[in-house]
C-alpha cells in the first residue's frame, strides 16, 4: 500500500490557498507544498490535527491508502 496525500483537493474544496493554510497552521508554505506533493516521510499528529481543524475535515479526507501498481 501507498499513502496518497489529498491536501490539494481539500484546499480547492475550501477555496483556500497554501499560503493561507500555512499561516493558520503555523508551518511554512514550503512544508505545505511538500505535503501536497507527497514528498514527506511523515507528519506530526499535532500538525495533522491543526490542518484538519483549519480545513474542517477528518484525516481520512486528506490521506488515502492505495495499492501500489
Protein backbone atom coordinates (compact mmCIF):
# COMPACT_ATOMS: atom_id res chain seq x y z
CA UNK A 1 0.00 0.00 0.00
CA UNK A 2 0.98 3.56 -0.62
CA UNK A 3 -0.35 6.63 1.24
CA UNK A 4 -1.52 9.40 -1.10
CA UNK A 5 -1.98 12.93 0.22
CA UNK A 6 -5.15 14.67 -1.00
CA UNK A 7 -4.42 18.05 0.60
CA UNK A 8 -4.68 19.86 -2.74
CA UNK A 9 -8.23 18.53 -3.21
CA UNK A 10 -9.32 19.73 0.23
CA UNK A 11 -7.72 23.14 -0.30
CA UNK A 12 -9.64 23.51 -3.56
CA UNK A 13 -12.91 22.49 -1.89
CA UNK A 14 -12.36 25.07 0.84
CA UNK A 15 -11.20 27.69 -1.70
CA UNK A 16 -8.08 28.24 0.36
CA UNK A 17 -4.52 28.94 -0.78
CA UNK A 18 -1.50 27.08 0.56
CA UNK A 19 -0.14 30.32 1.98
CA UNK A 20 -3.32 30.90 3.97
CA UNK A 21 -3.31 27.35 5.36
CA UNK A 22 0.36 27.63 6.30
CA UNK A 23 -0.35 30.82 8.24
CA UNK A 24 -3.24 29.26 10.15
CA UNK A 25 -1.35 26.05 10.91
CA UNK A 26 1.95 27.71 11.81
CA UNK A 27 4.19 25.94 9.30
CA UNK A 28 5.95 27.21 6.21
CA UNK A 29 4.34 27.37 2.79
CA UNK A 30 7.21 25.17 1.59
CA UNK A 31 6.16 22.46 4.05
CA UNK A 32 2.57 22.69 2.79
CA UNK A 33 3.93 22.29 -0.75
CA UNK A 34 5.93 19.22 0.29
CA UNK A 35 2.83 17.72 1.91
CA UNK A 36 0.72 18.40 -1.20
CA UNK A 37 3.26 16.69 -3.41
CA UNK A 38 3.59 13.69 -1.10
CA UNK A 39 7.34 14.19 -0.74
CA UNK A 40 7.35 13.83 3.04
CA UNK A 41 8.14 10.75 5.09
CA UNK A 42 5.83 11.66 7.96
CA UNK A 43 3.71 14.30 9.62
CA UNK A 44 3.27 15.09 13.30
CA UNK A 45 -0.17 14.28 14.62
CA UNK A 46 -0.28 17.79 16.08
CA UNK A 47 0.24 19.29 12.60
CA UNK A 48 -2.28 16.93 11.01
CA UNK A 49 -4.83 17.80 13.69
CA UNK A 50 -4.30 21.53 13.13
CA UNK A 51 -4.69 21.14 9.34
CA UNK A 52 -7.92 19.20 9.89
CA UNK A 53 -9.16 21.87 12.30
CA UNK A 54 -8.48 24.69 9.84
CA UNK A 55 -9.93 22.81 6.85
CA UNK A 56 -12.82 21.39 8.91
CA UNK A 57 -12.16 17.83 7.80
CA UNK A 58 -11.01 14.44 9.05
CA UNK A 59 -7.55 12.90 8.50
CA UNK A 60 -9.17 10.41 6.12
CA UNK A 61 -10.19 13.32 3.89
CA UNK A 62 -6.50 14.17 3.46
CA UNK A 63 -4.83 10.76 3.37
CA UNK A 64 -5.74 7.72 1.30
CA UNK A 65 -4.19 4.26 1.18
CA UNK A 66 -3.99 2.91 -2.37
CA UNK A 67 -2.46 -0.30 -3.70
CA UNK A 68 0.98 0.05 -5.28
CA UNK A 69 0.98 -0.58 -9.04
